[in-house]
């Protein structure tokens, strides 16, 4: 999971990690950044919930 504007983990870098994992998935939060956990908790909760309960 990453933010579209996160300078510390750009979406293409996060995609490389996700694609290297057997069950990896990438979720990019629009406008999200390194503080996305705080600034968009609902979006993160939805993404994690979808991963845990496919």
PDB file of N, CA and C in Angstrom:
ATOM      1  N   UNK A   1       0.856  -1.159   0.000  1.00  0.00           N
ATOM      2  CA  UNK A   1       0.000   0.000   0.000  1.00  0.00           C
ATOM      3  C   UNK A   1       0.901   1.219   0.000  1.00  0.00           C
ATOM      4  N   UNK A   2       0.552   2.142  -0.836  1.00  0.00           N
ATOM      5  CA  UNK A   2       1.333   3.361  -0.920  1.00  0.00           C
ATOM      6  C   UNK A   2       0.471   4.520  -1.351  1.00  0.00           C
ATOM      7  N   UNK A   3       1.029   5.672  -1.214  1.00  0.00           N
ATOM      8  CA  UNK A   3       0.318   6.871  -1.626  1.00  0.00           C
ATOM      9  C   UNK A   3       0.823   7.366  -2.966  1.00  0.00           C
ATOM     10  N   UNK A   4      -0.079   7.911  -3.749  1.00  0.00           N
ATOM     11  CA  UNK A   4       0.286   8.385  -5.079  1.00  0.00           C
ATOM     12  C   UNK A   4       1.338   9.483  -5.039  1.00  0.00           C
ATOM     13  N   UNK A   5       1.417  10.221  -3.952  1.00  0.00           N
ATOM     14  CA  UNK A   5       2.374  11.315  -3.856  1.00  0.00           C
ATOM     15  C   UNK A   5       3.406  11.098  -2.758  1.00  0.00           C
ATOM     16  N   UNK A   6       3.627   9.857  -2.376  1.00  0.00           N
ATOM     17  CA  UNK A   6       4.583   9.550  -1.312  1.00  0.00           C
ATOM     18  C   UNK A   6       6.003   9.599  -1.864  1.00  0.00           C
ATOM     19  N   UNK A   7       6.808  10.576  -1.452  1.00  0.00           N
ATOM     20  CA  UNK A   7       8.163  10.680  -1.980  1.00  0.00           C
ATOM     21  C   UNK A   7       9.107   9.601  -1.448  1.00  0.00           C
ATOM     22  N   UNK A   8       8.750   8.964  -0.349  1.00  0.00           N
ATOM     23  CA  UNK A   8       9.646   7.962   0.230  1.00  0.00           C
ATOM     24  C   UNK A   8       9.433   6.570  -0.362  1.00  0.00           C
ATOM     25  N   UNK A   9       8.283   6.334  -0.980  1.00  0.00           N
ATOM     26  CA  UNK A   9       8.002   5.041  -1.610  1.00  0.00           C
ATOM     27  C   UNK A   9       7.094   5.294  -2.802  1.00  0.00           C
ATOM     28  N   UNK A  10       7.724   5.606  -3.931  1.00  0.00           N
ATOM     29  CA  UNK A  10       6.957   5.929  -5.134  1.00  0.00           C
ATOM     30  C   UNK A  10       6.168   4.707  -5.606  1.00  0.00           C
ATOM     31  N   UNK A  11       5.007   4.921  -6.223  1.00  0.00           N
ATOM     32  CA  UNK A  11       4.166   3.799  -6.649  1.00  0.00           C
ATOM     33  C   UNK A  11       4.905   2.741  -7.475  1.00  0.00           C
ATOM     34  N   UNK A  12       5.806   3.154  -8.351  1.00  0.00           N
ATOM     35  CA  UNK A  12       6.519   2.147  -9.150  1.00  0.00           C
ATOM     36  C   UNK A  12       7.446   1.288  -8.289  1.00  0.00           C
ATOM     37  N   UNK A  13       7.970   1.836  -7.215  1.00  0.00           N
ATOM     38  CA  UNK A  13       8.810   1.051  -6.299  1.00  0.00           C
ATOM     39  C   UNK A  13       7.953   0.073  -5.498  1.00  0.00           C
ATOM     40  N   UNK A  14       6.807   0.552  -5.045  1.00  0.00           N
ATOM     41  CA  UNK A  14       5.902  -0.305  -4.274  1.00  0.00           C
ATOM     42  C   UNK A  14       5.356  -1.417  -5.167  1.00  0.00           C
ATOM     43  N   UNK A  15       5.089  -1.111  -6.437  1.00  0.00           N
ATOM     44  CA  UNK A  15       4.627  -2.114  -7.402  1.00  0.00           C
ATOM     45  C   UNK A  15       5.658  -3.223  -7.570  1.00  0.00           C
ATOM     46  N   UNK A  16       6.930  -2.867  -7.614  1.00  0.00           N
ATOM     47  CA  UNK A  16       7.987  -3.864  -7.755  1.00  0.00           C
ATOM     48  C   UNK A  16       7.990  -4.823  -6.565  1.00  0.00           C
ATOM     49  N   UNK A  17       7.791  -4.306  -5.380  1.00  0.00           N
ATOM     50  CA  UNK A  17       7.737  -5.156  -4.183  1.00  0.00           C
ATOM     51  C   UNK A  17       6.498  -6.042  -4.238  1.00  0.00           C
ATOM     52  N   UNK A  18       5.341  -5.459  -4.552  1.00  0.00           N
ATOM     53  CA  UNK A  18       4.095  -6.222  -4.589  1.00  0.00           C
ATOM     54  C   UNK A  18       4.168  -7.350  -5.621  1.00  0.00           C
ATOM     55  N   UNK A  19       4.731  -7.070  -6.779  1.00  0.00           N
ATOM     56  CA  UNK A  19       4.788  -8.090  -7.823  1.00  0.00           C
ATOM     57  C   UNK A  19       5.791  -9.192  -7.496  1.00  0.00           C
ATOM     58  N   UNK A  20       6.732  -8.937  -6.612  1.00  0.00           N
ATOM     59  CA  UNK A  20       7.708  -9.955  -6.219  1.00  0.00           C
ATOM     60  C   UNK A  20       7.156 -10.920  -5.179  1.00  0.00           C
ATOM     61  N   UNK A  21       6.039 -10.570  -4.555  1.00  0.00           N
ATOM     62  CA  UNK A  21       5.440 -11.421  -3.527  1.00  0.00           C
ATOM     63  C   UNK A  21       4.391 -12.338  -4.147  1.00  0.00           C
ATOM     64  N   UNK A  22       4.342 -13.604  -3.738  1.00  0.00           N
ATOM     65  CA  UNK A  22       3.399 -14.543  -4.347  1.00  0.00           C
ATOM     66  C   UNK A  22       1.938 -14.067  -4.328  1.00  0.00           C
ATOM     67  N   UNK A  23       1.494 -13.478  -3.263  1.00  0.00           N
ATOM     68  CA  UNK A  23       0.111 -13.004  -3.161  1.00  0.00           C
ATOM     69  C   UNK A  23       0.067 -11.488  -3.041  1.00  0.00           C
ATOM     70  N   UNK A  24       1.102 -10.851  -3.556  1.00  0.00           N
ATOM     71  CA  UNK A  24       1.207  -9.402  -3.426  1.00  0.00           C
ATOM     72  C   UNK A  24       0.165  -8.656  -4.235  1.00  0.00           C
ATOM     73  N   UNK A  25      -0.333  -7.589  -3.662  1.00  0.00           N
ATOM     74  CA  UNK A  25      -1.274  -6.697  -4.334  1.00  0.00           C
ATOM     75  C   UNK A  25      -0.833  -5.274  -4.055  1.00  0.00           C
ATOM     76  N   UNK A  26      -1.088  -4.416  -4.987  1.00  0.00           N
ATOM     77  CA  UNK A  26      -0.740  -3.018  -4.797  1.00  0.00           C
ATOM     78  C   UNK A  26      -2.006  -2.194  -4.670  1.00  0.00           C
ATOM     79  N   UNK A  27      -2.029  -1.376  -3.646  1.00  0.00           N
ATOM     80  CA  UNK A  27      -3.103  -0.396  -3.472  1.00  0.00           C
ATOM     81  C   UNK A  27      -2.428   0.963  -3.405  1.00  0.00           C
ATOM     82  N   UNK A  28      -2.789   1.843  -4.328  1.00  0.00           N
ATOM     83  CA  UNK A  28      -2.253   3.200  -4.325  1.00  0.00           C
ATOM     84  C   UNK A  28      -3.389   4.133  -3.940  1.00  0.00           C
ATOM     85  N   UNK A  29      -3.190   4.839  -2.851  1.00  0.00           N
ATOM     86  CA  UNK A  29      -4.198   5.783  -2.384  1.00  0.00           C
ATOM     87  C   UNK A  29      -3.999   7.109  -3.104  1.00  0.00           C
ATOM     88  N   UNK A  30      -5.019   7.575  -3.813  1.00  0.00           N
ATOM     89  CA  UNK A  30      -4.860   8.841  -4.529  1.00  0.00           C
ATOM     90  C   UNK A  30      -4.584   9.981  -3.558  1.00  0.00           C
ATOM     91  N   UNK A  31      -3.561  10.734  -3.864  1.00  0.00           N
ATOM     92  CA  UNK A  31      -3.211  11.861  -3.014  1.00  0.00           C
ATOM     93  C   UNK A  31      -2.581  11.457  -1.697  1.00  0.00           C
ATOM     94  N   UNK A  32      -2.495  10.160  -1.455  1.00  0.00           N
ATOM     95  CA  UNK A  32      -1.919   9.692  -0.200  1.00  0.00           C
ATOM     96  C   UNK A  32      -0.435   9.953  -0.138  1.00  0.00           C
ATOM     97  N   UNK A  33       0.086  10.012   1.037  1.00  0.00           N
ATOM     98  CA  UNK A  33       1.517  10.210   1.230  1.00  0.00           C
ATOM     99  C   UNK A  33       1.926   9.458   2.472  1.00  0.00           C
ATOM    100  N   UNK A  34       3.112   9.698   2.952  1.00  0.00           N
ATOM    101  CA  UNK A  34       3.633   8.914   4.085  1.00  0.00           C
ATOM    102  C   UNK A  34       2.788   9.035   5.346  1.00  0.00           C
ATOM    103  N   UNK A  35       1.968  10.059   5.439  1.00  0.00           N
ATOM    104  CA  UNK A  35       1.078  10.192   6.593  1.00  0.00           C
ATOM    105  C   UNK A  35      -0.333   9.714   6.266  1.00  0.00           C
ATOM    106  N   UNK A  36      -0.468   8.908   5.232  1.00  0.00           N
ATOM    107  CA  UNK A  36      -1.773   8.411   4.805  1.00  0.00           C
ATOM    108  C   UNK A  36      -2.519   7.653   5.878  1.00  0.00           C
ATOM    109  N   UNK A  37      -1.788   7.004   6.759  1.00  0.00           N
ATOM    110  CA  UNK A  37      -2.440   6.284   7.847  1.00  0.00           C
ATOM    111  C   UNK A  37      -3.260   7.241   8.692  1.00  0.00           C
ATOM    112  N   UNK A  38      -2.772   8.450   8.825  1.00  0.00           N
ATOM    113  CA  UNK A  38      -3.464   9.465   9.602  1.00  0.00           C
ATOM    114  C   UNK A  38      -4.453  10.237   8.740  1.00  0.00           C
ATOM    115  N   UNK A  39      -4.039  10.584   7.515  1.00  0.00           N
ATOM    116  CA  UNK A  39      -4.868  11.455   6.685  1.00  0.00           C
ATOM    117  C   UNK A  39      -5.972  10.726   5.936  1.00  0.00           C
ATOM    118  N   UNK A  40      -5.862   9.424   5.737  1.00  0.00           N
ATOM    119  CA  UNK A  40      -6.913   8.680   5.040  1.00  0.00           C
ATOM    120  C   UNK A  40      -7.111   7.301   5.670  1.00  0.00           C
ATOM    121  N   UNK A  41      -7.483   7.269   6.954  1.00  0.00           N
ATOM    122  CA  UNK A  41      -7.612   5.982   7.640  1.00  0.00           C
ATOM    123  C   UNK A  41      -8.713   5.094   7.055  1.00  0.00           C
ATOM    124  N   UNK A  42      -9.796   5.687   6.549  1.00  0.00           N
ATOM    125  CA  UNK A  42     -10.881   4.885   5.999  1.00  0.00           C
ATOM    126  C   UNK A  42     -10.422   4.124   4.751  1.00  0.00           C
ATOM    127  N   UNK A  43      -9.692   4.809   3.886  1.00  0.00           N
ATOM    128  CA  UNK A  43      -9.200   4.167   2.660  1.00  0.00           C
ATOM    129  C   UNK A  43      -8.238   3.034   2.997  1.00  0.00           C
ATOM    130  N   UNK A  44      -7.372   3.258   3.959  1.00  0.00           N
ATOM    131  CA  UNK A  44      -6.433   2.203   4.363  1.00  0.00           C
ATOM    132  C   UNK A  44      -7.169   1.033   4.992  1.00  0.00           C
ATOM    133  N   UNK A  45      -8.152   1.312   5.845  1.00  0.00           N
ATOM    134  CA  UNK A  45      -8.920   0.241   6.487  1.00  0.00           C
ATOM    135  C   UNK A  45      -9.659  -0.580   5.435  1.00  0.00           C
ATOM    136  N   UNK A  46     -10.212   0.067   4.427  1.00  0.00           N
ATOM    137  CA  UNK A  46     -10.921  -0.644   3.366  1.00  0.00           C
ATOM    138  C   UNK A  46      -9.972  -1.536   2.569  1.00  0.00           C
ATOM    139  N   UNK A  47      -8.801  -1.029   2.260  1.00  0.00           N
ATOM    140  CA  UNK A  47      -7.819  -1.806   1.506  1.00  0.00           C
ATOM    141  C   UNK A  47      -7.339  -3.009   2.300  1.00  0.00           C
ATOM    142  N   UNK A  48      -7.045  -2.816   3.563  1.00  0.00           N
ATOM    143  CA  UNK A  48      -6.575  -3.924   4.409  1.00  0.00           C
ATOM    144  C   UNK A  48      -7.700  -4.935   4.617  1.00  0.00           C
ATOM    145  N   UNK A  49      -8.910  -4.448   4.840  1.00  0.00           N
ATOM    146  CA  UNK A  49     -10.058  -5.347   5.004  1.00  0.00           C
ATOM    147  C   UNK A  49     -10.280  -6.204   3.767  1.00  0.00           C
ATOM    148  N   UNK A  50     -10.135  -5.610   2.589  1.00  0.00           N
ATOM    149  CA  UNK A  50     -10.287  -6.364   1.355  1.00  0.00           C
ATOM    150  C   UNK A  50      -9.212  -7.418   1.178  1.00  0.00           C
ATOM    151  N   UNK A  51      -8.026  -7.164   1.658  1.00  0.00           N
ATOM    152  CA  UNK A  51      -6.941  -8.128   1.581  1.00  0.00           C
ATOM    153  C   UNK A  51      -7.173  -9.281   2.558  1.00  0.00           C
ATOM    154  N   UNK A  52      -7.630  -8.968   3.749  1.00  0.00           N
ATOM    155  CA  UNK A  52      -7.824  -9.983   4.769  1.00  0.00           C
ATOM    156  C   UNK A  52      -9.062 -10.846   4.519  1.00  0.00           C
ATOM    157  N   UNK A  53     -10.055 -10.283   3.821  1.00  0.00           N
ATOM    158  CA  UNK A  53     -11.301 -10.997   3.576  1.00  0.00           C
ATOM    159  C   UNK A  53     -11.653 -10.929   2.090  1.00  0.00           C
ATOM    160  N   UNK A  54     -10.902 -11.685   1.261  1.00  0.00           N
ATOM    161  CA  UNK A  54     -11.096 -11.580  -0.201  1.00  0.00           C
ATOM    162  C   UNK A  54     -12.413 -12.078  -0.666  1.00  0.00           C
TER     163      UNK A  54
END
